[in-house]
Structures are given as C-alpha cells and as structure tokens.
Amino acid sequence: MEWWEDEGLGLKKTDVEAMREAWRREKAAPEMLEFEEELVRRLREQMQLQEDTIMAMEGDGDGDDLTTTSLQLQHMDLDRALFLLKSYLRLRLTKLQKHLYFYASLPHSSSPLSPQELLFCHRCLHATSRHLHHSLLSLLPSHYQSLSRQSTSSDHDDMLHSHSPHLDTFVFCKPTTDVGAFQLDDTGDDIVDLVVDDLYVLRYNSIRALVQSRRIHLI
C-alpha cells in the first residue's frame, strides 16, 4: 500500500483507514453523526484515479507476472475501499429510514445529513406520508390526521419524540486524549476521570459533545 502511494498508483492508506474509523463511529453511535463529506469526496477521487490506472495497465497488454500481481493487488485495494464506502453510506441510510420523521424535522443548520441524504429524506417522507394518508389517516377524524401530533389539541409535535434516536444508550468508548475529570450529569454528582486509551462504558448522551469533537472514539 505504501509503495503504491509513493509511486502515485494506489489509494492513500490514511483515507481508507479514516473511512474504516468513520464506519465504526457511525455503527456505534445511536444517532447519525456529521456526514464525512470531505473524506468521502477524497476517497471517491482516489478510487476513480486507481480505476483509471488499472484500466491503463490492462490496456498495455503486458501480461508478465509482476504486472498481473500488481493488478490483482490494486483490484483488492479498490474493492476494499468500495466496500467500506458502501457500508458507511448504507449504514447511514438505515439510520435515516429508522428515524425519518425526526431528521426531517431538524433545521438545515443543525442537520447531520448530506445534501443527497436530505433530498432522500424529504422524498421518502413525502411518499410515506402520502401512502399513510390514503390508506389510513383519511379515514380518521380530521383532528387525528397529523403524523407529527397526536391531535390538533397538542401544542407541539409530540409524536416526533417516539421517532428520535435513543441517546441514553450505553456505548463502549476510548478517549483520544486525556480529558481529565468529566461531569456525566447536570447535578455534578457523577464524575469520571477520562484517561487516553482507557476503555469506558458510558451513556452516549453524556459524552455526545466529546464524540462530536473527536476527543472520544466509539468502539
């Protein structure tokens, strides 16, 4: 891998590893994390470059053992990167579909979705709402036809809470730096000393800010 990087042929190992870490974080978190837009863009560009390189080498028609072995290894690297990228995007779509109404209700400024995910979210919500209205809601009294409120007497979107991620879930995590004494609740009674590379099992909601700032990695 390093040899290909030096020769300008292969994917950058750091970005492949970063995508693997992004997939792990996303899989461990109960909510959708901020979309890794820059990482995904770089990885796609590198994959396209490597695919072009492979096609050029195959077009040369040089079938010696060294070239054949090099092509096989580059195909393996390309397949691995593609698998990681697809797994990351598929995982995010699974979360989005599970909590569709919640993420659709978030303002754009605080949404963790990519532009493509946001478009998918609104299209899926529109299709789901239309289906539910035609198949069920239209048969109910008008004050019970809302998807976000239990009835028109509700003063807020009380149904969205049932669609939100469960942030109180316990997660395995490791600090990437010495955080020191950290307050886990609002009362200040529950404090833990977070030491770099030590393993902890904590409620996600308590360390959410540390996860978002990359001071803690989810396992």
Protein backbone atom coordinates (compact mmCIF):
# COMPACT_ATOMS: atom_id res chain seq x y z
CA MET A 1 0.00 0.00 0.00
CA GLU A 2 2.76 2.41 0.91
CA TRP A 3 4.67 1.54 -2.28
CA TRP A 4 1.69 2.37 -4.46
CA GLU A 5 1.20 5.63 -2.63
CA ASP A 6 4.84 6.61 -3.23
CA GLU A 7 4.51 5.72 -6.90
CA GLY A 8 1.24 7.60 -7.28
CA LEU A 9 -0.75 4.47 -8.10
CA GLY A 10 -2.74 3.40 -5.05
CA LEU A 11 -5.30 4.72 -2.62
CA LYS A 12 -3.95 6.72 0.28
CA LYS A 13 -3.84 4.42 3.25
CA THR A 14 -4.75 7.20 5.65
CA ASP A 15 -8.08 7.89 3.93
CA VAL A 16 -9.01 4.20 3.77
CA GLU A 17 -8.27 3.88 7.48
CA ALA A 18 -10.20 7.08 8.17
CA MET A 19 -13.21 5.66 6.34
CA ARG A 20 -12.99 2.48 8.40
CA GLU A 21 -12.95 4.58 11.59
CA ALA A 22 -15.88 6.69 10.33
CA TRP A 23 -17.86 3.50 9.70
CA ARG A 24 -17.07 2.23 13.21
CA ARG A 25 -18.13 5.52 14.81
CA GLU A 26 -21.34 5.58 12.81
CA LYS A 27 -22.14 1.97 13.67
CA ALA A 28 -21.57 2.51 17.41
CA ALA A 29 -23.47 5.81 17.71
CA PRO A 30 -27.24 5.67 18.30
CA GLU A 31 -27.71 8.80 16.16
CA MET A 32 -26.44 9.90 12.77
CA LEU A 33 -23.10 11.67 13.10
CA GLU A 34 -21.94 14.55 10.94
CA PHE A 35 -21.53 13.38 7.35
CA GLU A 36 -17.85 12.90 6.38
CA GLU A 37 -18.22 14.96 3.22
CA GLU A 38 -14.55 15.79 2.62
CA LEU A 39 -13.38 12.24 3.36
CA VAL A 40 -15.99 10.72 1.04
CA ARG A 41 -15.05 13.17 -1.73
CA ARG A 42 -11.33 12.39 -1.44
CA LEU A 43 -11.90 8.66 -1.32
CA ARG A 44 -14.11 8.73 -4.41
CA GLU A 45 -11.49 10.73 -6.31
CA GLN A 46 -8.75 8.29 -5.30
CA MET A 47 -10.89 5.30 -6.27
CA GLN A 48 -11.52 6.84 -9.69
CA LEU A 49 -7.80 7.51 -10.11
CA GLN A 50 -6.90 3.94 -9.21
CA GLU A 51 -9.59 2.56 -11.52
CA ASP A 52 -8.18 4.65 -14.38
CA THR A 53 -4.67 3.38 -13.57
CA ILE A 54 -5.85 -0.24 -13.58
CA MET A 55 -7.59 0.22 -16.94
CA ALA A 56 -4.45 1.81 -18.41
CA MET A 57 -2.25 -1.06 -17.19
CA GLU A 58 -4.69 -3.63 -18.54
CA GLY A 59 -4.76 -1.81 -21.87
CA ASP A 60 -0.98 -2.05 -22.24
CA GLY A 61 -1.33 -5.78 -22.82
CA ASP A 62 1.79 -6.61 -20.79
CA GLY A 63 0.89 -9.91 -19.15
CA ASP A 64 4.09 -10.60 -17.19
CA ASP A 65 3.79 -12.00 -13.67
CA LEU A 66 4.77 -8.74 -11.96
CA THR A 67 2.12 -6.73 -13.79
CA THR A 68 -0.53 -9.38 -13.18
CA THR A 69 0.25 -9.50 -9.46
CA SER A 70 0.24 -5.70 -9.23
CA LEU A 71 -3.16 -5.54 -10.95
CA GLN A 72 -4.61 -8.16 -8.63
CA LEU A 73 -3.42 -6.29 -5.54
CA GLN A 74 -4.76 -2.99 -6.82
CA HIS A 75 -8.12 -4.61 -7.57
CA MET A 76 -8.19 -5.90 -3.99
CA ASP A 77 -7.45 -2.44 -2.59
CA LEU A 78 -10.10 -0.87 -4.80
CA ASP A 79 -12.68 -3.46 -3.75
CA ARG A 80 -11.85 -2.92 -0.09
CA ALA A 81 -12.25 0.85 -0.36
CA LEU A 82 -15.53 0.46 -2.28
CA PHE A 83 -16.85 -1.96 0.35
CA LEU A 84 -16.03 0.46 3.18
CA LEU A 85 -17.63 3.39 1.38
CA LYS A 86 -20.80 1.44 0.56
CA SER A 87 -21.03 0.11 4.12
CA TYR A 88 -20.73 3.63 5.54
CA LEU A 89 -23.39 5.09 3.25
CA ARG A 90 -25.73 2.10 3.66
CA LEU A 91 -25.47 2.31 7.46
CA ARG A 92 -26.41 5.99 7.40
CA LEU A 93 -29.41 5.31 5.16
CA THR A 94 -30.58 2.58 7.55
CA LYS A 95 -30.45 5.04 10.45
CA LEU A 96 -32.17 7.71 8.39
CA GLN A 97 -35.04 5.42 7.46
CA LYS A 98 -35.43 4.31 11.08
CA HIS A 99 -35.69 7.90 12.37
CA LEU A 100 -37.06 9.53 9.23
CA TYR A 101 -39.55 11.92 10.84
CA PHE A 102 -37.04 13.09 13.43
CA TYR A 103 -34.32 14.03 10.93
CA ALA A 104 -36.84 15.60 8.58
CA SER A 105 -37.90 17.92 11.41
CA LEU A 106 -34.39 19.23 12.10
CA PRO A 107 -33.42 22.67 10.76
CA HIS A 108 -30.87 22.53 7.95
CA SER A 109 -28.26 24.35 10.03
CA SER A 110 -28.15 21.56 12.63
CA SER A 111 -28.81 18.58 10.37
CA PRO A 112 -26.06 15.93 10.13
CA LEU A 113 -27.30 14.86 6.69
CA SER A 114 -25.51 15.32 3.40
CA PRO A 115 -27.41 17.16 0.62
CA GLN A 116 -28.16 13.81 -1.05
CA GLU A 117 -29.38 12.29 2.23
CA LEU A 118 -31.53 15.33 2.89
CA LEU A 119 -33.12 15.01 -0.55
CA PHE A 120 -33.74 11.30 0.04
CA CYS A 121 -35.22 12.09 3.46
CA HIS A 122 -37.79 14.56 2.13
CA ARG A 123 -38.73 12.38 -0.85
CA CYS A 124 -39.14 9.32 1.37
CA LEU A 125 -41.14 11.32 3.91
CA HIS A 126 -43.42 12.64 1.17
CA ALA A 127 -44.03 9.15 -0.23
CA THR A 128 -44.62 7.65 3.23
CA SER A 129 -46.97 10.45 4.29
CA ARG A 130 -48.97 10.16 1.08
CA HIS A 131 -49.29 6.39 1.49
CA LEU A 132 -50.39 6.65 5.15
CA HIS A 133 -52.88 9.38 4.33
CA HIS A 134 -54.52 7.43 1.51
CA SER A 135 -54.53 4.09 3.33
CA LEU A 136 -55.40 5.14 6.90
CA LEU A 137 -55.32 8.77 8.01
CA SER A 138 -58.02 9.92 5.60
CA LEU A 139 -60.42 7.51 7.34
CA LEU A 140 -59.86 9.13 10.75
CA PRO A 141 -61.43 12.32 12.08
CA SER A 142 -59.61 15.41 10.82
CA HIS A 143 -58.06 16.25 14.21
CA TYR A 144 -56.26 12.86 14.24
CA GLN A 145 -54.77 13.01 10.76
CA SER A 146 -51.42 14.58 11.68
CA LEU A 147 -48.26 12.47 11.54
CA SER A 148 -46.40 14.71 13.99
CA ARG A 149 -49.10 15.41 16.61
CA GLN A 150 -51.44 13.10 18.50
CA SER A 151 -54.28 15.52 17.84
CA THR A 152 -54.89 19.15 16.92
CA SER A 153 -55.12 19.95 20.64
CA SER A 154 -51.40 19.21 21.06
CA ASP A 155 -49.33 22.37 21.36
CA HIS A 156 -46.18 20.80 19.88
CA ASP A 157 -45.07 17.91 17.66
CA ASP A 158 -45.34 15.32 20.42
CA MET A 159 -45.19 12.33 18.07
CA LEU A 160 -41.66 13.17 16.92
CA HIS A 161 -40.22 12.09 20.27
CA SER A 162 -41.11 8.47 19.55
CA HIS A 163 -39.13 8.67 16.29
CA SER A 164 -35.97 10.19 17.81
CA PRO A 165 -32.76 8.16 18.44
CA HIS A 166 -32.27 6.77 21.95
CA LEU A 167 -29.33 8.85 23.13
CA ASP A 168 -29.26 7.27 26.61
CA THR A 169 -27.88 4.05 25.13
CA PHE A 170 -24.66 2.76 26.72
CA VAL A 171 -21.65 2.70 24.38
CA PHE A 172 -18.05 1.49 24.54
CA CYS A 173 -15.58 4.31 24.05
CA LYS A 174 -11.92 5.33 24.31
CA PRO A 175 -10.63 8.88 24.83
CA THR A 176 -8.16 10.03 22.18
CA THR A 177 -6.63 12.47 24.66
CA ASP A 178 -6.54 12.96 28.42
CA VAL A 179 -9.85 14.67 29.16
CA GLY A 180 -9.47 14.58 32.93
CA ALA A 181 -12.39 14.85 35.34
CA PHE A 182 -15.57 14.89 33.27
CA GLN A 183 -19.09 15.56 34.53
CA LEU A 184 -21.58 12.99 33.26
CA ASP A 185 -24.77 14.64 34.51
CA ASP A 186 -26.21 18.07 35.24
CA THR A 187 -26.04 17.64 39.00
CA GLY A 188 -22.28 17.23 39.13
CA ASP A 189 -22.59 14.11 41.29
CA ASP A 190 -21.41 11.71 38.58
CA ILE A 191 -17.83 12.50 37.56
CA VAL A 192 -15.38 10.21 35.79
CA ASP A 193 -11.68 10.67 35.05
CA LEU A 194 -11.24 10.08 31.31
CA VAL A 195 -7.71 8.87 30.50
CA VAL A 196 -6.40 8.47 26.97
CA ASP A 197 -6.77 4.93 25.52
CA ASP A 198 -8.64 3.59 28.57
CA LEU A 199 -11.86 1.73 27.81
CA TYR A 200 -15.17 3.01 29.23
CA VAL A 201 -18.84 2.08 29.05
CA LEU A 202 -20.89 5.28 29.33
CA ARG A 203 -24.22 6.70 28.27
CA TYR A 204 -23.89 8.21 24.82
CA ASN A 205 -25.78 11.35 25.76
CA SER A 206 -23.21 12.12 28.48
CA ILE A 207 -20.25 12.05 26.10
CA ARG A 208 -22.01 13.24 22.95
CA ALA A 209 -20.06 16.51 22.77
CA LEU A 210 -16.76 14.64 23.18
CA VAL A 211 -17.70 12.26 20.35
CA GLN A 212 -18.57 15.16 18.05
CA SER A 213 -15.27 16.89 18.82
CA ARG A 214 -13.34 13.62 18.24
CA ARG A 215 -11.95 13.63 21.80
CA ILE A 216 -13.55 10.22 22.28
CA HIS A 217 -13.76 7.36 19.80
CA LEU A 218 -16.63 4.90 19.88
CA ILE A 219 -15.69 1.22 19.76
